[in-house]
Amino acid sequence: GGVDSGSLVAMLDSVGPPGSEERSHRLGLVMYPIVEQWYPEQASKLTGMLLELDESDVLPLLSDLEEFKDVASQALEALMEAESG
């Protein structure tokens, strides 16, 4: 399961050009509820971290949630390490 990347790109294109704040915000709104299912406590921080990746890297992940979860869990590990000092 996952998000259809074709329709997602079309939706993002209607919001703003790649790299724009509006587009990034909208992508965050798509990612957040997915991340929240797995890591509710860290969802906002993880979404922020994932938004720092290239959009071209993130979009394929959203159409393959297994893959997306792998990347989210790696981000979580990095977050935990950062927070533990």
C-alpha atoms as a PDB file:
ATOM      1  CA  GLY A   1       0.000   0.000   0.000  1.00  0.00           C
ATOM      2  CA  GLY A   2       0.960   3.622  -0.294  1.00  0.00           C
ATOM      3  CA  VAL A   3       0.261   6.905  -1.970  1.00  0.00           C
ATOM      4  CA  ASP A   4      -0.005   7.035  -5.756  1.00  0.00           C
ATOM      5  CA  SER A   5       3.070   9.101  -6.597  1.00  0.00           C
ATOM      6  CA  GLY A   6       1.610  10.325  -9.891  1.00  0.00           C
ATOM      7  CA  SER A   7      -1.386  11.950  -8.254  1.00  0.00           C
ATOM      8  CA  LEU A   8       0.798  13.163  -5.388  1.00  0.00           C
ATOM      9  CA  VAL A   9       3.149  14.947  -7.794  1.00  0.00           C
ATOM     10  CA  ALA A  10       0.159  16.481  -9.593  1.00  0.00           C
ATOM     11  CA  MET A  11      -1.196  17.718  -6.265  1.00  0.00           C
ATOM     12  CA  LEU A  12       2.206  19.138  -5.285  1.00  0.00           C
ATOM     13  CA  ASP A  13       2.616  20.793  -8.690  1.00  0.00           C
ATOM     14  CA  SER A  14      -0.672  22.605  -8.109  1.00  0.00           C
ATOM     15  CA  VAL A  15       0.673  23.977  -4.808  1.00  0.00           C
ATOM     16  CA  GLY A  16       4.029  25.345  -5.929  1.00  0.00           C
ATOM     17  CA  PRO A  17       7.312  24.657  -7.709  1.00  0.00           C
ATOM     18  CA  PRO A  18       9.762  22.059  -6.356  1.00  0.00           C
ATOM     19  CA  GLY A  19      11.685  23.465  -3.424  1.00  0.00           C
ATOM     20  CA  SER A  20       9.004  25.996  -2.500  1.00  0.00           C
ATOM     21  CA  GLU A  21       7.855  26.300   1.079  1.00  0.00           C
ATOM     22  CA  GLU A  22       4.203  25.666   0.162  1.00  0.00           C
ATOM     23  CA  ARG A  23       5.104  22.462  -1.630  1.00  0.00           C
ATOM     24  CA  SER A  24       7.263  21.241   1.216  1.00  0.00           C
ATOM     25  CA  HIS A  25       4.496  22.054   3.708  1.00  0.00           C
ATOM     26  CA  ARG A  26       1.954  20.094   1.661  1.00  0.00           C
ATOM     27  CA  LEU A  27       4.304  17.127   1.388  1.00  0.00           C
ATOM     28  CA  GLY A  28       4.660  17.270   5.159  1.00  0.00           C
ATOM     29  CA  LEU A  29       0.879  17.114   5.515  1.00  0.00           C
ATOM     30  CA  VAL A  30       0.902  13.938   3.424  1.00  0.00           C
ATOM     31  CA  MET A  31       3.749  12.323   5.374  1.00  0.00           C
ATOM     32  CA  TYR A  32       2.773  13.288   8.897  1.00  0.00           C
ATOM     33  CA  PRO A  33      -0.293  11.032   9.333  1.00  0.00           C
ATOM     34  CA  ILE A  34       1.672   8.073   7.949  1.00  0.00           C
ATOM     35  CA  VAL A  35       4.631   8.657  10.277  1.00  0.00           C
ATOM     36  CA  GLU A  36       2.246   9.278  13.158  1.00  0.00           C
ATOM     37  CA  GLN A  37       0.817   5.757  12.858  1.00  0.00           C
ATOM     38  CA  TRP A  38       4.252   4.318  13.549  1.00  0.00           C
ATOM     39  CA  TYR A  39       5.891   6.876  15.828  1.00  0.00           C
ATOM     40  CA  PRO A  40       3.210   9.146  17.307  1.00  0.00           C
ATOM     41  CA  GLU A  41       5.502  10.757  19.868  1.00  0.00           C
ATOM     42  CA  GLN A  42       8.158  11.780  17.350  1.00  0.00           C
ATOM     43  CA  ALA A  43       5.958  12.259  14.277  1.00  0.00           C
ATOM     44  CA  SER A  44       6.461  16.005  13.905  1.00  0.00           C
ATOM     45  CA  LYS A  45      10.242  15.850  14.329  1.00  0.00           C
ATOM     46  CA  LEU A  46      10.564  12.869  11.997  1.00  0.00           C
ATOM     47  CA  THR A  47       8.400  14.517   9.356  1.00  0.00           C
ATOM     48  CA  GLY A  48      10.651  17.576   9.572  1.00  0.00           C
ATOM     49  CA  MET A  49      13.729  15.403   9.126  1.00  0.00           C
ATOM     50  CA  LEU A  50      12.193  13.567   6.170  1.00  0.00           C
ATOM     51  CA  LEU A  51      11.294  16.886   4.548  1.00  0.00           C
ATOM     52  CA  GLU A  52      14.995  17.734   4.492  1.00  0.00           C
ATOM     53  CA  LEU A  53      15.560  14.877   2.047  1.00  0.00           C
ATOM     54  CA  ASP A  54      15.265  15.478  -1.685  1.00  0.00           C
ATOM     55  CA  GLU A  55      11.696  15.336  -2.868  1.00  0.00           C
ATOM     56  CA  SER A  56      12.821  12.909  -5.584  1.00  0.00           C
ATOM     57  CA  ASP A  57      13.982  10.564  -2.798  1.00  0.00           C
ATOM     58  CA  VAL A  58      10.852  10.932  -0.696  1.00  0.00           C
ATOM     59  CA  LEU A  59       8.139  10.533  -3.332  1.00  0.00           C
ATOM     60  CA  PRO A  60       9.040   6.927  -4.271  1.00  0.00           C
ATOM     61  CA  LEU A  61       8.992   6.031  -0.577  1.00  0.00           C
ATOM     62  CA  LEU A  62       5.419   7.226  -0.238  1.00  0.00           C
ATOM     63  CA  SER A  63       4.295   4.730  -2.844  1.00  0.00           C
ATOM     64  CA  ASP A  64       6.040   1.909  -0.928  1.00  0.00           C
ATOM     65  CA  LEU A  65       5.267   2.246   2.759  1.00  0.00           C
ATOM     66  CA  GLU A  66       7.561  -0.627   3.779  1.00  0.00           C
ATOM     67  CA  GLU A  67      10.447   1.322   2.317  1.00  0.00           C
ATOM     68  CA  PHE A  68       9.168   4.556   3.842  1.00  0.00           C
ATOM     69  CA  LYS A  69       9.005   2.925   7.265  1.00  0.00           C
ATOM     70  CA  ASP A  70      12.645   1.821   6.929  1.00  0.00           C
ATOM     71  CA  VAL A  71      13.722   5.387   6.227  1.00  0.00           C
ATOM     72  CA  ALA A  72      11.515   6.733   9.034  1.00  0.00           C
ATOM     73  CA  SER A  73      13.033   4.272  11.492  1.00  0.00           C
ATOM     74  CA  GLN A  74      16.552   5.314  10.448  1.00  0.00           C
ATOM     75  CA  ALA A  75      15.548   8.932  11.027  1.00  0.00           C
ATOM     76  CA  LEU A  76      14.192   7.933  14.433  1.00  0.00           C
ATOM     77  CA  GLU A  77      17.478   6.281  15.371  1.00  0.00           C
ATOM     78  CA  ALA A  78      19.378   9.427  14.348  1.00  0.00           C
ATOM     79  CA  LEU A  79      16.940  11.519  16.383  1.00  0.00           C
ATOM     80  CA  MET A  80      17.345   9.321  19.466  1.00  0.00           C
ATOM     81  CA  GLU A  81      21.124   9.507  19.199  1.00  0.00           C
ATOM     82  CA  ALA A  82      21.001  13.285  18.871  1.00  0.00           C
ATOM     83  CA  GLU A  83      18.699  13.621  21.865  1.00  0.00           C
ATOM     84  CA  SER A  84      20.717  11.304  24.085  1.00  0.00           C
ATOM     85  CA  GLY A  85      23.763  13.477  23.427  1.00  0.00           C
END
